[in-house]
Amino acid sequence: MNIMPSTDPMLQAELFKKPDPNAELQEVAEQFEAIFLNQMLKQMREAKLSDGIFDNQATEKYNSLLDMEQSKHLASSVNLGIADALMRQLGTKLRVE
């Protein structure tokens, strides 16, 4: 008896596919790279030489949110090598046989 009659073969292949243990590691490595970039952008912003005319808490909050989004975008689009190094270091320990 067939439990899944008349379903799409691509859907069946997707349902019964084994999960890739390195996929989650890749995502976490990119998130770590984004955190690193966020800290770097934050330190760069704190190293300003003078206060601006319109600087206030709202501007600081906006800049911190902007830095967070920019760091996420940079981590996914620019290859700094941090995520790759983490994958090489930790990926060998997660090999599932």
C-alpha atoms as a PDB file:
ATOM      1  CA  MET A   1       0.000   0.000   0.000  1.00  0.00           C
ATOM      2  CA  ASN A   2       1.383   3.367  -1.010  1.00  0.00           C
ATOM      3  CA  ILE A   3       0.945   6.118   1.592  1.00  0.00           C
ATOM      4  CA  MET A   4       1.564   8.980  -0.819  1.00  0.00           C
ATOM      5  CA  PRO A   5      -0.478   8.252  -3.922  1.00  0.00           C
ATOM      6  CA  SER A   6      -0.175  10.614  -6.857  1.00  0.00           C
ATOM      7  CA  THR A   7       2.227  13.139  -5.340  1.00  0.00           C
ATOM      8  CA  ASP A   8       4.864  15.048  -7.160  1.00  0.00           C
ATOM      9  CA  PRO A   9       8.155  13.086  -7.366  1.00  0.00           C
ATOM     10  CA  MET A  10      10.126  16.273  -6.642  1.00  0.00           C
ATOM     11  CA  LEU A  11       8.092  16.773  -3.471  1.00  0.00           C
ATOM     12  CA  GLN A  12       8.738  13.180  -2.414  1.00  0.00           C
ATOM     13  CA  ALA A  13      12.463  13.610  -2.993  1.00  0.00           C
ATOM     14  CA  GLU A  14      12.430  16.785  -0.893  1.00  0.00           C
ATOM     15  CA  LEU A  15      10.509  15.120   1.931  1.00  0.00           C
ATOM     16  CA  PHE A  16      12.786  12.093   2.156  1.00  0.00           C
ATOM     17  CA  LYS A  17      16.057  13.959   1.633  1.00  0.00           C
ATOM     18  CA  LYS A  18      18.618  13.571   4.411  1.00  0.00           C
ATOM     19  CA  PRO A  19      19.372  16.841   6.195  1.00  0.00           C
ATOM     20  CA  ASP A  20      22.753  18.383   5.490  1.00  0.00           C
ATOM     21  CA  PRO A  21      24.580  18.919   8.813  1.00  0.00           C
ATOM     22  CA  ASN A  22      26.892  21.485   7.222  1.00  0.00           C
ATOM     23  CA  ALA A  23      23.999  23.678   6.049  1.00  0.00           C
ATOM     24  CA  GLU A  24      23.219  24.804   9.592  1.00  0.00           C
ATOM     25  CA  LEU A  25      26.914  25.302  10.285  1.00  0.00           C
ATOM     26  CA  GLN A  26      27.230  27.479   7.177  1.00  0.00           C
ATOM     27  CA  GLU A  27      24.314  29.629   8.339  1.00  0.00           C
ATOM     28  CA  VAL A  28      25.775  30.027  11.839  1.00  0.00           C
ATOM     29  CA  ALA A  29      29.224  30.813  10.412  1.00  0.00           C
ATOM     30  CA  GLU A  30      27.710  33.580   8.275  1.00  0.00           C
ATOM     31  CA  GLN A  31      25.866  34.912  11.322  1.00  0.00           C
ATOM     32  CA  PHE A  32      29.153  34.957  13.252  1.00  0.00           C
ATOM     33  CA  GLU A  33      30.759  36.854  10.400  1.00  0.00           C
ATOM     34  CA  ALA A  34      27.864  39.342  10.520  1.00  0.00           C
ATOM     35  CA  ILE A  35      28.399  39.824  14.262  1.00  0.00           C
ATOM     36  CA  PHE A  36      32.103  40.433  13.664  1.00  0.00           C
ATOM     37  CA  LEU A  37      31.333  42.984  10.948  1.00  0.00           C
ATOM     38  CA  ASN A  38      28.745  44.652  13.168  1.00  0.00           C
ATOM     39  CA  GLN A  39      31.324  45.088  15.933  1.00  0.00           C
ATOM     40  CA  MET A  40      33.810  46.481  13.443  1.00  0.00           C
ATOM     41  CA  LEU A  41      31.290  48.999  12.067  1.00  0.00           C
ATOM     42  CA  LYS A  42      30.294  49.953  15.610  1.00  0.00           C
ATOM     43  CA  GLN A  43      33.913  50.647  16.571  1.00  0.00           C
ATOM     44  CA  MET A  44      34.465  52.637  13.393  1.00  0.00           C
ATOM     45  CA  ARG A  45      31.427  54.800  14.185  1.00  0.00           C
ATOM     46  CA  GLU A  46      32.628  55.391  17.758  1.00  0.00           C
ATOM     47  CA  ALA A  47      35.999  56.621  16.458  1.00  0.00           C
ATOM     48  CA  LYS A  48      34.482  59.764  14.951  1.00  0.00           C
ATOM     49  CA  LEU A  49      36.389  62.977  15.500  1.00  0.00           C
ATOM     50  CA  SER A  50      33.509  65.261  16.458  1.00  0.00           C
ATOM     51  CA  ASP A  51      29.798  65.237  17.123  1.00  0.00           C
ATOM     52  CA  GLY A  52      27.459  66.156  14.343  1.00  0.00           C
ATOM     53  CA  ILE A  53      24.952  68.985  14.499  1.00  0.00           C
ATOM     54  CA  PHE A  54      21.964  66.655  14.595  1.00  0.00           C
ATOM     55  CA  ASP A  55      23.411  63.813  16.700  1.00  0.00           C
ATOM     56  CA  ASN A  56      21.058  62.506  19.382  1.00  0.00           C
ATOM     57  CA  GLN A  57      19.893  59.169  20.793  1.00  0.00           C
ATOM     58  CA  ALA A  58      17.534  58.553  17.894  1.00  0.00           C
ATOM     59  CA  THR A  59      20.361  59.026  15.392  1.00  0.00           C
ATOM     60  CA  GLU A  60      22.580  56.665  17.384  1.00  0.00           C
ATOM     61  CA  LYS A  61      19.804  54.034  17.476  1.00  0.00           C
ATOM     62  CA  TYR A  62      19.192  54.430  13.739  1.00  0.00           C
ATOM     63  CA  ASN A  63      22.912  54.094  13.009  1.00  0.00           C
ATOM     64  CA  SER A  64      23.168  50.965  15.158  1.00  0.00           C
ATOM     65  CA  LEU A  65      20.221  49.363  13.326  1.00  0.00           C
ATOM     66  CA  LEU A  66      21.689  50.431   9.995  1.00  0.00           C
ATOM     67  CA  ASP A  67      25.055  48.919  10.949  1.00  0.00           C
ATOM     68  CA  MET A  68      23.339  45.662  11.919  1.00  0.00           C
ATOM     69  CA  GLU A  69      21.575  45.365   8.570  1.00  0.00           C
ATOM     70  CA  GLN A  70      24.665  46.385   6.631  1.00  0.00           C
ATOM     71  CA  SER A  71      26.730  43.770   8.454  1.00  0.00           C
ATOM     72  CA  LYS A  72      24.186  41.054   7.593  1.00  0.00           C
ATOM     73  CA  HIS A  73      24.244  42.114   3.955  1.00  0.00           C
ATOM     74  CA  LEU A  74      28.044  42.268   3.851  1.00  0.00           C
ATOM     75  CA  ALA A  75      28.393  38.855   5.495  1.00  0.00           C
ATOM     76  CA  SER A  76      26.180  37.263   2.845  1.00  0.00           C
ATOM     77  CA  SER A  77      27.625  39.093  -0.163  1.00  0.00           C
ATOM     78  CA  VAL A  78      31.324  39.699   0.584  1.00  0.00           C
ATOM     79  CA  ASN A  79      33.672  36.819   1.311  1.00  0.00           C
ATOM     80  CA  LEU A  80      35.914  37.833   4.207  1.00  0.00           C
ATOM     81  CA  GLY A  81      36.976  34.259   4.856  1.00  0.00           C
ATOM     82  CA  ILE A  82      35.828  34.103   8.473  1.00  0.00           C
ATOM     83  CA  ALA A  83      32.843  31.865   7.693  1.00  0.00           C
ATOM     84  CA  ASP A  84      35.018  29.670   5.456  1.00  0.00           C
ATOM     85  CA  ALA A  85      37.624  29.287   8.210  1.00  0.00           C
ATOM     86  CA  LEU A  86      34.911  28.287  10.683  1.00  0.00           C
ATOM     87  CA  MET A  87      33.518  25.787   8.189  1.00  0.00           C
ATOM     88  CA  ARG A  88      36.942  24.221   7.701  1.00  0.00           C
ATOM     89  CA  GLN A  89      37.633  24.135  11.431  1.00  0.00           C
ATOM     90  CA  LEU A  90      34.269  22.880  12.673  1.00  0.00           C
ATOM     91  CA  GLY A  91      32.981  21.084   9.575  1.00  0.00           C
ATOM     92  CA  THR A  92      35.413  18.197   9.966  1.00  0.00           C
ATOM     93  CA  LYS A  93      34.108  17.507  13.472  1.00  0.00           C
ATOM     94  CA  LEU A  94      30.503  17.257  12.268  1.00  0.00           C
ATOM     95  CA  ARG A  95      31.033  14.623   9.587  1.00  0.00           C
ATOM     96  CA  VAL A  96      28.249  12.119   9.948  1.00  0.00           C
ATOM     97  CA  GLU A  97      29.010   8.695   8.539  1.00  0.00           C
END
